[in-house]
Amino acid sequence: MFLAEVNAALLTILGIVFVINAIVLIVFVLFRQSDSGGVGAAFGGGDGGGALGTKGQAVADKVIAFMGFTFVVLALAYSLVSTGGRSDSGPGPAATETPSDSGSENK
């Protein structure tokens, strides 16, 4: 019995949190002011203003780093829960062979 079969609610919650995390990460990356201005410059224009202000950029960088780390952790957790921790893509045959019941091998 696999973990995904046991607790489908956990898989749903992880999926929802993963999507929310991805959306928040995208928003923060878009509003981060780059050297060339970017989308953040549209709300504050050029010289250190930006959408989040000068001190806000340091906070935004920390939030982006945290959300990026959380994104990777959630992706790994979702993968483990959805597969139940098993790996079907490893080296070797995909399925084990079983002897036939006809007994023709022993003749």
Protein backbone atom coordinates (compact mmCIF):
# COMPACT_ATOMS: atom_id res chain seq x y z
CA MET A 1 0.00 0.00 0.00
CA PHE A 2 1.48 3.30 -1.09
CA LEU A 3 1.50 6.57 0.82
CA ALA A 4 -0.55 8.33 -1.89
CA GLU A 5 -3.26 5.70 -1.57
CA VAL A 6 -3.30 5.96 2.20
CA ASN A 7 -3.50 9.72 2.40
CA ALA A 8 -4.86 11.36 -0.73
CA ALA A 9 -5.67 14.48 1.31
CA LEU A 10 -1.95 14.99 1.95
CA LEU A 11 -1.30 14.88 -1.79
CA THR A 12 -4.04 17.46 -2.39
CA ILE A 13 -2.75 19.80 0.33
CA LEU A 14 0.83 19.53 -0.96
CA GLY A 15 -0.37 20.30 -4.48
CA ILE A 16 -2.28 23.40 -3.37
CA VAL A 17 0.62 24.69 -1.26
CA PHE A 18 3.01 23.99 -4.16
CA VAL A 19 0.92 26.04 -6.60
CA ILE A 20 0.51 28.93 -4.14
CA ASN A 21 4.25 28.89 -3.48
CA ALA A 22 4.97 28.96 -7.22
CA ILE A 23 2.62 31.93 -7.78
CA VAL A 24 4.11 33.92 -4.88
CA LEU A 25 7.61 33.15 -6.15
CA ILE A 26 6.71 34.37 -9.64
CA VAL A 27 5.21 37.59 -8.26
CA PHE A 28 8.27 38.37 -6.15
CA VAL A 29 10.64 37.66 -9.02
CA LEU A 30 8.65 39.92 -11.33
CA PHE A 31 8.62 42.80 -8.84
CA ARG A 32 12.30 42.51 -8.05
CA GLN A 33 14.14 45.47 -9.50
CA SER A 34 16.96 44.49 -11.80
CA ASP A 35 19.77 46.64 -13.18
CA SER A 36 17.75 47.41 -16.29
CA GLY A 37 14.56 48.23 -14.44
CA GLY A 38 12.26 45.37 -15.34
CA VAL A 39 8.63 45.21 -14.26
CA GLY A 40 9.51 46.66 -10.83
CA ALA A 41 10.62 49.92 -12.44
CA ALA A 42 7.16 50.42 -13.88
CA PHE A 43 5.84 51.11 -10.40
CA GLY A 44 8.63 53.30 -9.08
CA GLY A 45 10.94 54.19 -11.93
CA GLY A 46 14.71 54.03 -12.19
CA ASP A 47 16.82 55.31 -9.29
CA GLY A 48 16.47 52.85 -6.44
CA GLY A 49 12.74 53.35 -6.01
CA GLY A 50 11.11 50.34 -7.51
CA ALA A 51 7.92 48.63 -6.49
CA LEU A 52 9.26 47.65 -3.08
CA GLY A 53 11.61 50.54 -2.31
CA THR A 54 15.32 50.32 -1.59
CA LYS A 55 15.00 48.44 1.70
CA GLY A 56 12.27 46.31 0.23
CA GLN A 57 14.68 44.90 -2.34
CA ALA A 58 16.76 43.26 0.38
CA VAL A 59 13.62 41.77 1.87
CA ALA A 60 12.44 40.66 -1.57
CA ASP A 61 15.75 38.92 -2.20
CA LYS A 62 15.43 37.01 1.08
CA VAL A 63 11.84 36.08 0.31
CA ILE A 64 12.82 34.90 -3.17
CA ALA A 65 15.61 32.74 -1.74
CA PHE A 66 13.28 31.25 0.89
CA MET A 67 10.47 30.63 -1.59
CA GLY A 68 12.91 29.04 -4.06
CA PHE A 69 14.16 26.67 -1.36
CA THR A 70 10.59 25.90 -0.32
CA PHE A 71 9.67 25.26 -3.97
CA VAL A 72 12.37 22.59 -4.26
CA VAL A 73 11.46 20.98 -0.94
CA LEU A 74 7.76 20.89 -1.84
CA ALA A 75 8.55 19.40 -5.25
CA LEU A 76 10.56 16.61 -3.62
CA ALA A 77 7.89 16.01 -0.97
CA TYR A 78 5.15 15.90 -3.61
CA SER A 79 7.18 13.43 -5.64
CA LEU A 80 7.76 11.18 -2.63
CA VAL A 81 4.13 11.26 -1.57
CA SER A 82 2.76 10.67 -5.06
CA THR A 83 5.05 7.71 -5.75
CA GLY A 84 5.04 6.36 -2.22
CA GLY A 85 8.84 6.51 -2.11
CA ARG A 86 9.28 3.79 -4.72
CA SER A 87 11.40 4.16 -7.83
CA ASP A 88 10.29 2.37 -10.99
CA SER A 89 12.87 3.96 -13.28
CA GLY A 90 16.00 2.40 -11.80
CA PRO A 91 18.44 0.16 -13.66
CA GLY A 92 17.56 -3.41 -14.38
CA PRO A 93 14.38 -5.09 -15.59
CA ALA A 94 11.13 -3.31 -14.92
CA ALA A 95 9.39 -6.46 -13.66
CA THR A 96 10.68 -9.68 -12.19
CA GLU A 97 10.16 -12.82 -14.16
CA THR A 98 8.10 -15.60 -12.62
CA PRO A 99 8.36 -19.24 -13.66
CA SER A 100 5.46 -20.57 -15.65
CA ASP A 101 3.07 -23.01 -14.08
CA SER A 102 3.16 -25.48 -17.01
CA GLY A 103 6.30 -27.20 -15.73
CA SER A 104 7.90 -27.26 -19.19
CA GLU A 105 11.24 -26.02 -17.82
CA ASN A 106 11.88 -29.21 -15.84
CA LYS A 107 11.51 -31.68 -18.77
